[in-house]
């Protein structure tokens, strides 16, 4: 599976300001190595404009018991069960070989190789998300949960909870990955949404829907 990216840079300045400037230019951290960033059709929510819609509330009602807590990475109490859960999730959703248990362990325990500094933990039912957090932004990057025992809307419920958490934590933006497949339109249901077109941030959702729709016939 290939991920859309227009450019790749490896940064050495990991200050909050430098990283934030890269995200502002459409780059996001990857799991490929320390400092490796891809410029992509990034999608984010301007949290000053974010309010729960009726659809957001409907999704949250589907996962009423989900609670969110956070812990900093590298995590001191890494459980190998997390690696298996993530591998199984990505194997099922996107195909074999997308994510290894070893890579999950690396991202959560090895600061010399990982770009990610936060783990969001969801409970009742269980879920997790590997993230990068700065003072004013959150990159909700690699979510996973046990597919066989989770509600149908668990993934979207986790994403919505993360957006609420980011806003209550004083963040300006939450980054939700990229828009590269027709199935990514589920990310467009949030108010305050912006997407990067390769040069600038846009708010015209119909335009990006047309781009994604065209990919399904190409």
N, C-alpha and C. Protein backbone atom coordinates (compact mmCIF):
# COMPACT_ATOMS: atom_id res chain seq x y z
N UNK A 1 0.84 -1.20 0.00
CA UNK A 1 0.00 0.00 0.00
C UNK A 1 0.88 1.25 0.00
N UNK A 2 0.70 2.14 -0.99
CA UNK A 2 1.49 3.35 -1.09
C UNK A 2 0.72 4.52 -0.49
N UNK A 3 1.45 5.36 0.23
CA UNK A 3 0.84 6.53 0.83
C UNK A 3 1.15 7.75 -0.01
N UNK A 4 0.13 8.59 -0.23
CA UNK A 4 0.30 9.81 -1.00
C UNK A 4 1.27 10.76 -0.32
N UNK A 5 2.31 11.16 -1.01
CA UNK A 5 3.13 12.26 -0.54
C UNK A 5 3.82 12.93 -1.72
N UNK A 6 3.91 14.25 -1.63
CA UNK A 6 4.50 15.05 -2.70
C UNK A 6 5.97 15.34 -2.44
N UNK A 7 6.37 15.28 -1.19
CA UNK A 7 7.75 15.61 -0.84
C UNK A 7 8.10 14.92 0.48
N UNK A 8 9.40 14.69 0.68
CA UNK A 8 9.89 14.11 1.93
C UNK A 8 11.05 14.94 2.44
N UNK A 9 11.04 15.24 3.71
CA UNK A 9 12.14 15.94 4.35
C UNK A 9 12.47 15.23 5.66
N UNK A 10 13.74 15.30 6.04
CA UNK A 10 14.17 14.79 7.34
C UNK A 10 14.67 15.96 8.16
N UNK A 11 13.98 16.27 9.23
CA UNK A 11 14.33 17.43 10.04
C UNK A 11 15.28 17.02 11.17
N UNK A 12 16.04 17.99 11.63
CA UNK A 12 16.93 17.78 12.78
C UNK A 12 16.59 18.73 13.93
N UNK A 13 15.78 19.73 13.64
CA UNK A 13 15.32 20.67 14.66
C UNK A 13 13.94 20.21 15.12
N UNK A 14 13.88 19.69 16.34
CA UNK A 14 12.63 19.16 16.86
C UNK A 14 11.95 20.12 17.84
N UNK A 15 12.33 21.39 17.78
CA UNK A 15 11.67 22.37 18.64
C UNK A 15 10.20 22.48 18.26
N UNK A 16 9.38 22.87 19.22
CA UNK A 16 7.95 22.99 18.96
C UNK A 16 7.67 23.92 17.79
N UNK A 17 8.42 25.02 17.72
CA UNK A 17 8.21 25.99 16.64
C UNK A 17 8.54 25.41 15.29
N UNK A 18 9.68 24.71 15.19
CA UNK A 18 10.11 24.14 13.91
C UNK A 18 9.14 23.07 13.43
N UNK A 19 8.72 22.20 14.34
CA UNK A 19 7.78 21.14 13.95
C UNK A 19 6.44 21.73 13.53
N UNK A 20 5.96 22.71 14.27
CA UNK A 20 4.69 23.35 13.94
C UNK A 20 4.74 24.00 12.57
N UNK A 21 5.87 24.62 12.23
CA UNK A 21 6.02 25.25 10.92
C UNK A 21 5.96 24.21 9.81
N UNK A 22 6.52 23.04 10.04
CA UNK A 22 6.46 21.98 9.02
C UNK A 22 5.03 21.49 8.83
N UNK A 23 4.32 21.30 9.92
CA UNK A 23 2.91 20.88 9.81
C UNK A 23 2.09 21.94 9.07
N UNK A 24 2.42 23.20 9.31
CA UNK A 24 1.70 24.28 8.64
C UNK A 24 1.92 24.24 7.13
N UNK A 25 3.04 23.67 6.70
CA UNK A 25 3.36 23.55 5.28
C UNK A 25 2.88 22.22 4.69
N UNK A 26 2.06 21.50 5.44
CA UNK A 26 1.48 20.26 4.92
C UNK A 26 2.29 19.01 5.19
N UNK A 27 3.37 19.13 5.96
CA UNK A 27 4.18 17.95 6.30
C UNK A 27 3.64 17.32 7.58
N UNK A 28 3.78 16.01 7.67
CA UNK A 28 3.40 15.28 8.88
C UNK A 28 4.49 14.28 9.22
N UNK A 29 4.62 13.98 10.50
CA UNK A 29 5.58 12.95 10.91
C UNK A 29 5.14 11.59 10.39
N UNK A 30 6.13 10.75 10.10
CA UNK A 30 5.88 9.38 9.65
C UNK A 30 6.55 8.41 10.63
N UNK A 31 6.35 7.12 10.37
CA UNK A 31 7.01 6.09 11.18
C UNK A 31 8.28 5.59 10.51
N UNK A 32 8.72 6.26 9.44
CA UNK A 32 9.84 5.76 8.64
C UNK A 32 11.20 5.97 9.29
N UNK A 33 11.29 6.89 10.24
CA UNK A 33 12.56 7.14 10.90
C UNK A 33 12.53 8.48 11.61
N UNK A 34 13.49 8.71 12.47
CA UNK A 34 13.53 9.94 13.25
C UNK A 34 13.62 11.16 12.33
N UNK A 35 12.66 12.04 12.48
CA UNK A 35 12.66 13.29 11.73
C UNK A 35 12.08 13.21 10.33
N UNK A 36 11.70 12.02 9.87
CA UNK A 36 11.20 11.88 8.50
C UNK A 36 9.75 12.37 8.43
N UNK A 37 9.53 13.35 7.53
CA UNK A 37 8.20 13.93 7.36
C UNK A 37 7.79 13.87 5.89
N UNK A 38 6.52 13.67 5.66
CA UNK A 38 5.96 13.66 4.30
C UNK A 38 5.00 14.84 4.14
N UNK A 39 5.12 15.51 3.00
CA UNK A 39 4.12 16.51 2.63
C UNK A 39 3.00 15.79 1.88
N UNK A 40 1.78 15.95 2.36
CA UNK A 40 0.66 15.18 1.82
C UNK A 40 -0.61 16.02 1.83
N UNK A 41 -1.70 15.44 1.39
CA UNK A 41 -2.98 16.13 1.44
C UNK A 41 -3.51 16.03 2.87
N UNK A 42 -2.81 16.74 3.74
CA UNK A 42 -3.09 16.69 5.17
C UNK A 42 -4.47 17.27 5.46
N UNK A 43 -5.08 16.77 6.53
CA UNK A 43 -6.40 17.26 6.93
C UNK A 43 -6.36 17.56 8.43
N UNK A 44 -6.95 18.70 8.80
CA UNK A 44 -6.92 19.11 10.20
C UNK A 44 -8.22 19.83 10.55
N UNK A 45 -8.45 19.96 11.84
CA UNK A 45 -9.59 20.72 12.34
C UNK A 45 -9.06 21.97 13.03
N UNK A 46 -9.57 23.13 12.64
CA UNK A 46 -9.34 24.37 13.37
C UNK A 46 -10.25 24.31 14.60
N UNK A 47 -9.66 24.07 15.75
CA UNK A 47 -10.46 23.78 16.94
C UNK A 47 -11.21 25.01 17.47
N UNK A 48 -10.84 26.20 17.01
CA UNK A 48 -11.61 27.39 17.39
C UNK A 48 -12.96 27.41 16.70
N UNK A 49 -13.10 26.59 15.64
CA UNK A 49 -14.36 26.52 14.88
C UNK A 49 -15.06 25.18 15.05
N UNK A 50 -14.52 24.34 15.92
CA UNK A 50 -15.05 22.99 16.08
C UNK A 50 -16.19 22.96 17.08
N UNK A 51 -17.32 22.45 16.65
CA UNK A 51 -18.46 22.18 17.52
C UNK A 51 -19.03 20.82 17.12
N UNK A 52 -19.51 20.08 18.08
CA UNK A 52 -20.09 18.78 17.76
C UNK A 52 -21.35 18.96 16.92
N UNK A 53 -21.39 18.27 15.80
CA UNK A 53 -22.57 18.28 14.94
C UNK A 53 -23.54 17.20 15.42
N UNK A 54 -24.72 17.18 14.83
CA UNK A 54 -25.68 16.13 15.18
C UNK A 54 -25.12 14.76 14.82
N UNK A 55 -24.36 14.68 13.71
CA UNK A 55 -23.75 13.41 13.32
C UNK A 55 -22.65 13.01 14.31
N UNK A 56 -21.84 13.97 14.76
CA UNK A 56 -20.82 13.68 15.77
C UNK A 56 -21.47 13.13 17.05
N UNK A 57 -22.55 13.76 17.45
CA UNK A 57 -23.25 13.32 18.67
C UNK A 57 -23.85 11.93 18.49
N UNK A 58 -24.33 11.66 17.29
CA UNK A 58 -24.89 10.33 17.02
C UNK A 58 -23.81 9.27 17.16
N UNK A 59 -22.61 9.56 16.64
CA UNK A 59 -21.50 8.62 16.74
C UNK A 59 -21.12 8.40 18.20
N UNK A 60 -21.05 9.48 18.97
CA UNK A 60 -20.67 9.34 20.38
C UNK A 60 -21.69 8.52 21.16
N UNK A 61 -22.96 8.60 20.77
CA UNK A 61 -23.98 7.78 21.44
C UNK A 61 -23.79 6.30 21.16
N UNK A 62 -23.09 5.98 20.06
CA UNK A 62 -22.82 4.59 19.72
C UNK A 62 -21.72 4.00 20.60
N UNK A 63 -20.91 4.88 21.20
CA UNK A 63 -19.80 4.43 22.06
C UNK A 63 -19.89 5.19 23.40
N UNK A 64 -20.99 5.05 24.12
CA UNK A 64 -21.24 5.90 25.29
C UNK A 64 -20.26 5.70 26.43
N UNK A 65 -19.66 4.52 26.51
CA UNK A 65 -18.78 4.25 27.65
C UNK A 65 -17.33 4.61 27.42
N UNK A 66 -16.97 5.04 26.23
CA UNK A 66 -15.56 5.27 25.91
C UNK A 66 -15.01 6.45 26.71
N UNK A 67 -13.93 6.19 27.44
CA UNK A 67 -13.24 7.22 28.20
C UNK A 67 -11.82 7.36 27.65
N UNK A 68 -11.27 8.57 27.73
CA UNK A 68 -9.96 8.85 27.17
C UNK A 68 -8.99 9.29 28.26
N UNK A 69 -7.79 8.73 28.21
CA UNK A 69 -6.70 9.18 29.08
C UNK A 69 -5.44 9.25 28.24
N UNK A 70 -4.43 9.93 28.74
CA UNK A 70 -3.21 10.07 27.95
C UNK A 70 -1.98 9.72 28.78
N UNK A 71 -0.94 9.29 28.08
CA UNK A 71 0.36 9.05 28.72
C UNK A 71 1.45 9.41 27.73
N UNK A 72 2.54 9.92 28.26
CA UNK A 72 3.63 10.36 27.42
C UNK A 72 4.41 9.17 26.88
N UNK A 73 4.93 9.32 25.68
CA UNK A 73 5.84 8.34 25.09
C UNK A 73 7.24 8.95 25.07
N UNK A 74 8.29 8.13 25.28
CA UNK A 74 8.25 6.67 25.43
C UNK A 74 7.48 6.23 26.68
N UNK A 75 6.72 5.16 26.53
CA UNK A 75 5.95 4.64 27.65
C UNK A 75 6.82 3.68 28.46
N UNK A 76 6.68 3.76 29.77
CA UNK A 76 7.52 2.94 30.64
C UNK A 76 6.96 1.54 30.82
N UNK A 77 5.67 1.39 30.60
CA UNK A 77 5.01 0.12 30.89
C UNK A 77 4.47 -0.51 29.61
N UNK A 78 5.31 -0.59 28.59
CA UNK A 78 4.86 -1.13 27.30
C UNK A 78 4.39 -2.58 27.45
N UNK A 79 3.24 -2.85 26.88
CA UNK A 79 2.63 -4.19 26.90
C UNK A 79 2.70 -4.75 25.48
N UNK A 80 3.33 -5.91 25.32
CA UNK A 80 3.47 -6.50 23.99
C UNK A 80 2.12 -6.78 23.32
N UNK A 81 1.08 -6.84 24.12
CA UNK A 81 -0.26 -7.03 23.57
C UNK A 81 -0.66 -5.88 22.65
N UNK A 82 -0.12 -4.68 22.91
CA UNK A 82 -0.41 -3.52 22.07
C UNK A 82 0.09 -3.73 20.65
N UNK A 83 1.30 -4.27 20.53
CA UNK A 83 1.86 -4.51 19.21
C UNK A 83 1.03 -5.48 18.40
N UNK A 84 0.58 -6.54 19.05
CA UNK A 84 -0.25 -7.53 18.35
C UNK A 84 -1.60 -6.93 17.95
N UNK A 85 -2.19 -6.15 18.86
CA UNK A 85 -3.47 -5.53 18.55
C UNK A 85 -3.36 -4.60 17.35
N UNK A 86 -2.30 -3.79 17.32
CA UNK A 86 -2.11 -2.86 16.21
C UNK A 86 -1.84 -3.60 14.91
N UNK A 87 -0.98 -4.61 14.96
CA UNK A 87 -0.69 -5.39 13.75
C UNK A 87 -1.96 -6.03 13.19
N UNK A 88 -2.74 -6.65 14.06
CA UNK A 88 -3.98 -7.29 13.62
C UNK A 88 -4.94 -6.26 13.01
N UNK A 89 -5.01 -5.08 13.63
CA UNK A 89 -5.90 -4.03 13.14
C UNK A 89 -5.51 -3.59 11.73
N UNK A 90 -4.23 -3.28 11.54
CA UNK A 90 -3.79 -2.79 10.23
C UNK A 90 -3.77 -3.88 9.17
N UNK A 91 -3.47 -5.12 9.58
CA UNK A 91 -3.56 -6.24 8.64
C UNK A 91 -4.98 -6.37 8.09
N UNK A 92 -5.95 -6.26 8.99
CA UNK A 92 -7.35 -6.45 8.60
C UNK A 92 -7.88 -5.27 7.79
N UNK A 93 -7.54 -4.05 8.22
CA UNK A 93 -8.09 -2.86 7.57
C UNK A 93 -7.42 -2.53 6.24
N UNK A 94 -6.09 -2.75 6.17
CA UNK A 94 -5.34 -2.25 5.02
C UNK A 94 -4.51 -3.31 4.30
N UNK A 95 -4.39 -4.50 4.89
CA UNK A 95 -3.65 -5.56 4.23
C UNK A 95 -2.39 -5.94 5.00
N UNK A 96 -1.93 -7.18 4.81
CA UNK A 96 -0.75 -7.68 5.52
C UNK A 96 0.50 -6.84 5.27
N UNK A 97 1.30 -6.70 6.31
CA UNK A 97 2.58 -6.03 6.17
C UNK A 97 2.58 -4.53 6.34
N UNK A 98 1.40 -3.93 6.56
CA UNK A 98 1.33 -2.48 6.71
C UNK A 98 1.99 -2.02 8.01
N UNK A 99 1.75 -2.76 9.08
CA UNK A 99 2.27 -2.39 10.39
C UNK A 99 2.74 -3.64 11.12
N UNK A 100 3.95 -3.60 11.64
CA UNK A 100 4.47 -4.74 12.40
C UNK A 100 4.38 -4.45 13.89
N UNK A 101 4.33 -5.51 14.68
CA UNK A 101 4.32 -5.36 16.13
C UNK A 101 5.61 -4.70 16.60
N UNK A 102 6.73 -5.01 15.94
CA UNK A 102 8.01 -4.41 16.31
C UNK A 102 8.01 -2.90 16.07
N UNK A 103 7.40 -2.46 14.97
CA UNK A 103 7.34 -1.03 14.67
C UNK A 103 6.50 -0.30 15.72
N UNK A 104 5.43 -0.92 16.17
CA UNK A 104 4.61 -0.31 17.21
C UNK A 104 5.42 -0.15 18.49
N UNK A 105 6.15 -1.19 18.86
CA UNK A 105 7.00 -1.10 20.05
C UNK A 105 8.03 0.01 19.89
N UNK A 106 8.64 0.10 18.72
CA UNK A 106 9.64 1.15 18.46
C UNK A 106 9.04 2.54 18.63
N UNK A 107 7.86 2.75 18.04
CA UNK A 107 7.23 4.07 18.12
C UNK A 107 6.89 4.47 19.54
N UNK A 108 6.59 3.47 20.38
CA UNK A 108 6.14 3.77 21.74
C UNK A 108 7.24 3.73 22.78
N UNK A 109 8.41 3.18 22.43
CA UNK A 109 9.44 3.00 23.46
C UNK A 109 10.81 3.56 23.11
N UNK A 110 11.10 3.85 21.84
CA UNK A 110 12.45 4.24 21.44
C UNK A 110 12.47 5.67 20.90
N UNK A 111 12.80 6.62 21.76
CA UNK A 111 12.79 8.03 21.37
C UNK A 111 13.85 8.36 20.34
N UNK A 112 14.88 7.52 20.21
CA UNK A 112 15.93 7.78 19.22
C UNK A 112 15.46 7.47 17.80
N UNK A 113 14.37 6.73 17.67
CA UNK A 113 13.85 6.35 16.35
C UNK A 113 12.43 6.86 16.09
N UNK A 114 11.72 7.19 17.14
CA UNK A 114 10.30 7.54 17.01
C UNK A 114 10.08 9.04 16.99
N UNK A 115 9.10 9.47 16.22
CA UNK A 115 8.69 10.87 16.18
C UNK A 115 7.49 11.17 17.08
N UNK A 116 6.99 10.16 17.76
CA UNK A 116 5.72 10.29 18.47
C UNK A 116 5.93 10.33 19.98
N UNK A 117 5.20 11.21 20.64
CA UNK A 117 5.47 11.48 22.05
C UNK A 117 4.25 11.34 22.95
N UNK A 118 3.16 10.82 22.41
CA UNK A 118 1.94 10.72 23.21
C UNK A 118 1.15 9.48 22.80
N UNK A 119 0.57 8.85 23.80
CA UNK A 119 -0.32 7.71 23.58
C UNK A 119 -1.68 8.07 24.18
N UNK A 120 -2.71 8.03 23.35
CA UNK A 120 -4.07 8.19 23.86
C UNK A 120 -4.66 6.81 24.10
N UNK A 121 -5.16 6.59 25.29
CA UNK A 121 -5.76 5.31 25.66
C UNK A 121 -7.26 5.49 25.85
N UNK A 122 -8.03 4.64 25.22
CA UNK A 122 -9.48 4.66 25.33
C UNK A 122 -9.90 3.39 26.06
N UNK A 123 -10.90 3.52 26.90
CA UNK A 123 -11.35 2.36 27.67
C UNK A 123 -12.86 2.22 27.60
N UNK A 124 -13.29 0.96 27.73
CA UNK A 124 -14.71 0.60 27.78
C UNK A 124 -15.49 1.07 26.55
N UNK A 125 -15.20 0.52 25.36
CA UNK A 125 -14.22 -0.53 25.07
C UNK A 125 -12.82 0.04 24.82
N UNK A 126 -11.86 -0.88 24.69
CA UNK A 126 -10.45 -0.50 24.58
C UNK A 126 -10.09 -0.01 23.19
N UNK A 127 -9.23 0.98 23.15
CA UNK A 127 -8.63 1.46 21.92
C UNK A 127 -7.41 2.30 22.26
N UNK A 128 -6.58 2.57 21.27
CA UNK A 128 -5.36 3.34 21.49
C UNK A 128 -5.06 4.17 20.25
N UNK A 129 -4.28 5.24 20.42
CA UNK A 129 -3.82 6.02 19.28
C UNK A 129 -2.43 6.56 19.59
N UNK A 130 -1.50 6.32 18.68
CA UNK A 130 -0.14 6.85 18.78
C UNK A 130 -0.14 8.24 18.15
N UNK A 131 0.36 9.23 18.87
CA UNK A 131 0.20 10.63 18.45
C UNK A 131 1.50 11.42 18.61
N UNK A 132 1.53 12.56 17.93
CA UNK A 132 2.52 13.59 18.22
C UNK A 132 1.75 14.79 18.77
N UNK A 133 2.21 15.33 19.89
CA UNK A 133 1.56 16.49 20.48
C UNK A 133 2.56 17.61 20.67
N UNK A 134 2.18 18.80 20.24
CA UNK A 134 2.92 20.02 20.53
C UNK A 134 2.04 20.92 21.38
N UNK A 135 2.55 22.07 21.81
CA UNK A 135 1.76 22.95 22.66
C UNK A 135 0.43 23.37 22.04
N UNK A 136 0.40 23.53 20.71
CA UNK A 136 -0.80 24.05 20.05
C UNK A 136 -1.42 23.07 19.07
N UNK A 137 -0.91 21.86 18.99
CA UNK A 137 -1.45 20.91 18.01
C UNK A 137 -1.30 19.48 18.46
N UNK A 138 -2.18 18.64 17.88
CA UNK A 138 -2.13 17.20 18.10
C UNK A 138 -2.22 16.52 16.74
N UNK A 139 -1.29 15.59 16.48
CA UNK A 139 -1.39 14.76 15.28
C UNK A 139 -1.89 13.39 15.74
N UNK A 140 -3.13 13.13 15.45
CA UNK A 140 -3.78 11.84 15.76
C UNK A 140 -3.37 10.90 14.64
N UNK A 141 -2.37 10.08 14.91
CA UNK A 141 -1.67 9.44 13.80
C UNK A 141 -2.01 7.98 13.56
N UNK A 142 -1.79 7.11 14.53
CA UNK A 142 -1.97 5.66 14.32
C UNK A 142 -2.94 5.09 15.35
N UNK A 143 -4.24 5.13 15.07
CA UNK A 143 -5.22 4.54 15.98
C UNK A 143 -5.34 3.04 15.74
N UNK A 144 -5.71 2.32 16.77
CA UNK A 144 -6.00 0.89 16.62
C UNK A 144 -6.84 0.40 17.79
N UNK A 145 -7.55 -0.67 17.54
CA UNK A 145 -8.43 -1.27 18.56
C UNK A 145 -8.77 -2.68 18.10
N UNK A 146 -9.26 -3.53 18.99
CA UNK A 146 -9.61 -4.91 18.59
C UNK A 146 -10.88 -4.92 17.75
N UNK A 147 -10.73 -5.14 16.46
CA UNK A 147 -11.86 -5.04 15.54
C UNK A 147 -12.98 -6.02 15.86
N UNK A 148 -12.61 -7.22 16.28
CA UNK A 148 -13.63 -8.24 16.48
C UNK A 148 -14.58 -7.99 17.63
N UNK A 149 -14.15 -7.20 18.61
CA UNK A 149 -14.98 -7.01 19.80
C UNK A 149 -15.40 -5.56 20.02
N UNK A 150 -15.18 -4.71 19.02
CA UNK A 150 -15.48 -3.28 19.18
C UNK A 150 -16.74 -2.89 18.43
N UNK A 151 -17.42 -1.83 18.89
CA UNK A 151 -18.60 -1.34 18.17
C UNK A 151 -18.23 -0.90 16.75
N UNK A 152 -19.19 -0.91 15.86
CA UNK A 152 -18.98 -0.55 14.46
C UNK A 152 -18.38 0.85 14.31
N UNK A 153 -18.78 1.78 15.16
CA UNK A 153 -18.34 3.16 15.04
C UNK A 153 -17.21 3.51 16.00
N UNK A 154 -16.47 2.51 16.48
CA UNK A 154 -15.42 2.74 17.45
C UNK A 154 -14.36 3.71 16.91
N UNK A 155 -13.91 3.51 15.69
CA UNK A 155 -12.85 4.35 15.14
C UNK A 155 -13.23 5.81 15.07
N UNK A 156 -14.41 6.08 14.56
CA UNK A 156 -14.87 7.46 14.45
C UNK A 156 -15.18 8.04 15.83
N UNK A 157 -15.65 7.20 16.73
CA UNK A 157 -15.88 7.66 18.10
C UNK A 157 -14.58 8.07 18.77
N UNK A 158 -13.52 7.28 18.58
CA UNK A 158 -12.22 7.62 19.14
C UNK A 158 -11.71 8.94 18.57
N UNK A 159 -11.84 9.12 17.25
CA UNK A 159 -11.38 10.34 16.61
C UNK A 159 -12.13 11.56 17.14
N UNK A 160 -13.43 11.42 17.33
CA UNK A 160 -14.24 12.52 17.85
C UNK A 160 -13.86 12.84 19.28
N UNK A 161 -13.65 11.81 20.10
CA UNK A 161 -13.20 12.02 21.48
C UNK A 161 -11.85 12.73 21.51
N UNK A 162 -10.95 12.35 20.58
CA UNK A 162 -9.63 12.97 20.52
C UNK A 162 -9.74 14.45 20.17
N UNK A 163 -10.66 14.79 19.25
CA UNK A 163 -10.86 16.19 18.89
C UNK A 163 -11.37 16.99 20.08
N UNK A 164 -12.30 16.41 20.82
CA UNK A 164 -12.80 17.08 22.03
C UNK A 164 -11.68 17.27 23.04
N UNK A 165 -10.85 16.24 23.22
CA UNK A 165 -9.74 16.32 24.17
C UNK A 165 -8.75 17.40 23.75
N UNK A 166 -8.42 17.44 22.45
CA UNK A 166 -7.46 18.44 21.97
C UNK A 166 -7.98 19.85 22.21
N UNK A 167 -9.25 20.06 21.95
CA UNK A 167 -9.83 21.39 22.18
C UNK A 167 -9.80 21.76 23.66
N UNK A 168 -10.19 20.82 24.53
CA UNK A 168 -10.20 21.11 25.96
C UNK A 168 -8.79 21.28 26.52
N UNK A 169 -7.78 20.75 25.79
CA UNK A 169 -6.39 20.88 26.22
C UNK A 169 -5.75 22.16 25.69
N UNK A 170 -6.52 22.98 25.00
CA UNK A 170 -6.01 24.26 24.52
C UNK A 170 -5.27 24.21 23.20
N UNK A 171 -5.41 23.11 22.45
CA UNK A 171 -4.75 23.02 21.14
C UNK A 171 -5.50 23.88 20.12
N UNK A 172 -4.76 24.35 19.11
CA UNK A 172 -5.39 25.10 18.02
C UNK A 172 -5.85 24.18 16.89
N UNK A 173 -5.09 23.11 16.67
CA UNK A 173 -5.42 22.19 15.58
C UNK A 173 -5.27 20.74 16.03
N UNK A 174 -6.09 19.87 15.45
CA UNK A 174 -5.84 18.43 15.51
C UNK A 174 -5.72 17.96 14.06
N UNK A 175 -4.62 17.29 13.77
CA UNK A 175 -4.36 16.73 12.44
C UNK A 175 -4.85 15.29 12.41
N UNK A 176 -5.59 14.95 11.36
CA UNK A 176 -6.25 13.64 11.28
C UNK A 176 -5.66 12.77 10.18
N UNK A 177 -4.41 13.01 9.83
CA UNK A 177 -3.79 12.21 8.77
C UNK A 177 -3.95 12.88 7.43
N UNK A 178 -4.30 12.10 6.40
CA UNK A 178 -4.38 12.65 5.04
C UNK A 178 -5.66 12.20 4.35
N UNK A 179 -5.93 12.85 3.24
CA UNK A 179 -7.05 12.48 2.36
C UNK A 179 -6.45 11.92 1.09
N UNK A 180 -6.44 10.60 0.95
CA UNK A 180 -5.80 10.00 -0.21
C UNK A 180 -6.60 8.88 -0.86
N UNK A 181 -7.67 8.45 -0.18
CA UNK A 181 -8.52 7.39 -0.73
C UNK A 181 -9.98 7.83 -0.67
N UNK A 182 -10.83 7.32 -1.56
CA UNK A 182 -12.26 7.67 -1.50
C UNK A 182 -12.88 7.39 -0.13
N UNK A 183 -12.39 6.37 0.55
CA UNK A 183 -12.95 6.01 1.86
C UNK A 183 -12.58 7.01 2.96
N UNK A 184 -11.68 7.95 2.66
CA UNK A 184 -11.26 8.93 3.67
C UNK A 184 -12.27 10.05 3.87
N UNK A 185 -13.37 10.03 3.12
CA UNK A 185 -14.35 11.11 3.26
C UNK A 185 -15.00 11.16 4.64
N UNK A 186 -14.88 10.09 5.42
CA UNK A 186 -15.47 10.11 6.77
C UNK A 186 -14.82 11.19 7.64
N UNK A 187 -13.60 11.61 7.28
CA UNK A 187 -12.92 12.64 8.06
C UNK A 187 -13.50 14.03 7.82
N UNK A 188 -14.36 14.16 6.80
CA UNK A 188 -14.85 15.47 6.40
C UNK A 188 -16.08 15.92 7.17
N UNK A 189 -16.53 15.13 8.14
CA UNK A 189 -17.78 15.46 8.82
C UNK A 189 -17.62 16.43 9.98
N UNK A 190 -16.39 16.87 10.25
CA UNK A 190 -16.15 17.75 11.39
C UNK A 190 -16.20 19.22 10.98
N UNK A 191 -16.78 20.05 11.83
CA UNK A 191 -16.77 21.49 11.57
C UNK A 191 -15.36 22.02 11.80
N UNK A 192 -15.02 23.10 11.10
CA UNK A 192 -13.69 23.68 11.20
C UNK A 192 -12.64 22.95 10.41
N UNK A 193 -13.07 22.09 9.47
CA UNK A 193 -12.12 21.25 8.73
C UNK A 193 -11.36 22.05 7.67
N UNK A 194 -10.07 21.73 7.53
CA UNK A 194 -9.20 22.31 6.50
C UNK A 194 -8.36 21.20 5.88
N UNK A 195 -8.02 21.35 4.61
CA UNK A 195 -7.16 20.36 3.95
C UNK A 195 -6.10 21.07 3.12
N UNK A 196 -4.94 20.43 3.01
CA UNK A 196 -3.80 21.03 2.32
C UNK A 196 -3.76 20.54 0.88
N UNK A 197 -3.71 21.49 -0.07
CA UNK A 197 -3.78 21.12 -1.49
C UNK A 197 -2.43 21.03 -2.18
N UNK A 198 -1.36 21.10 -1.40
CA UNK A 198 -0.02 21.08 -1.96
C UNK A 198 0.67 22.42 -1.86
N UNK A 199 -0.15 23.48 -1.70
CA UNK A 199 0.39 24.83 -1.60
C UNK A 199 -0.19 25.62 -0.43
N UNK A 200 -1.47 25.38 -0.14
CA UNK A 200 -2.14 26.16 0.90
C UNK A 200 -3.27 25.34 1.52
N UNK A 201 -3.74 25.82 2.67
CA UNK A 201 -4.86 25.17 3.35
C UNK A 201 -6.18 25.67 2.77
N UNK A 202 -7.09 24.73 2.53
CA UNK A 202 -8.37 25.03 1.91
C UNK A 202 -9.52 24.60 2.82
N UNK A 203 -10.68 25.22 2.62
CA UNK A 203 -11.87 24.84 3.39
C UNK A 203 -13.01 24.36 2.49
N UNK A 204 -12.79 24.34 1.18
CA UNK A 204 -13.81 23.90 0.23
C UNK A 204 -13.88 22.37 0.23
N UNK A 205 -14.83 21.82 0.95
CA UNK A 205 -14.92 20.37 1.07
C UNK A 205 -15.44 19.71 -0.20
N UNK A 206 -16.27 20.42 -0.95
CA UNK A 206 -16.76 19.86 -2.21
C UNK A 206 -15.61 19.61 -3.18
N UNK A 207 -14.63 20.50 -3.17
CA UNK A 207 -13.49 20.36 -4.07
C UNK A 207 -12.69 19.10 -3.76
N UNK A 208 -12.44 18.85 -2.49
CA UNK A 208 -11.65 17.66 -2.15
C UNK A 208 -12.48 16.39 -2.31
N UNK A 209 -13.79 16.49 -2.13
CA UNK A 209 -14.65 15.32 -2.39
C UNK A 209 -14.56 14.91 -3.85
N UNK A 210 -14.49 15.90 -4.75
CA UNK A 210 -14.36 15.60 -6.18
C UNK A 210 -13.03 14.93 -6.47
N UNK A 211 -11.97 15.39 -5.80
CA UNK A 211 -10.65 14.78 -5.98
C UNK A 211 -10.68 13.32 -5.55
N UNK A 212 -11.25 13.06 -4.39
CA UNK A 212 -11.30 11.69 -3.87
C UNK A 212 -12.22 10.81 -4.70
N UNK A 213 -13.33 11.38 -5.16
CA UNK A 213 -14.25 10.61 -6.00
C UNK A 213 -13.59 10.20 -7.31
N UNK A 214 -12.78 11.08 -7.87
CA UNK A 214 -12.10 10.78 -9.13
C UNK A 214 -11.11 9.63 -8.96
N UNK A 215 -10.56 9.49 -7.75
CA UNK A 215 -9.59 8.42 -7.50
C UNK A 215 -10.25 7.05 -7.58
N UNK A 216 -11.54 6.98 -7.29
CA UNK A 216 -12.23 5.69 -7.31
C UNK A 216 -12.44 5.17 -8.72
N UNK A 217 -12.32 6.05 -9.72
CA UNK A 217 -12.52 5.63 -11.11
C UNK A 217 -11.23 5.63 -11.91
N UNK A 218 -10.13 6.02 -11.25
CA UNK A 218 -8.85 6.10 -11.96
C UNK A 218 -8.12 4.76 -11.94
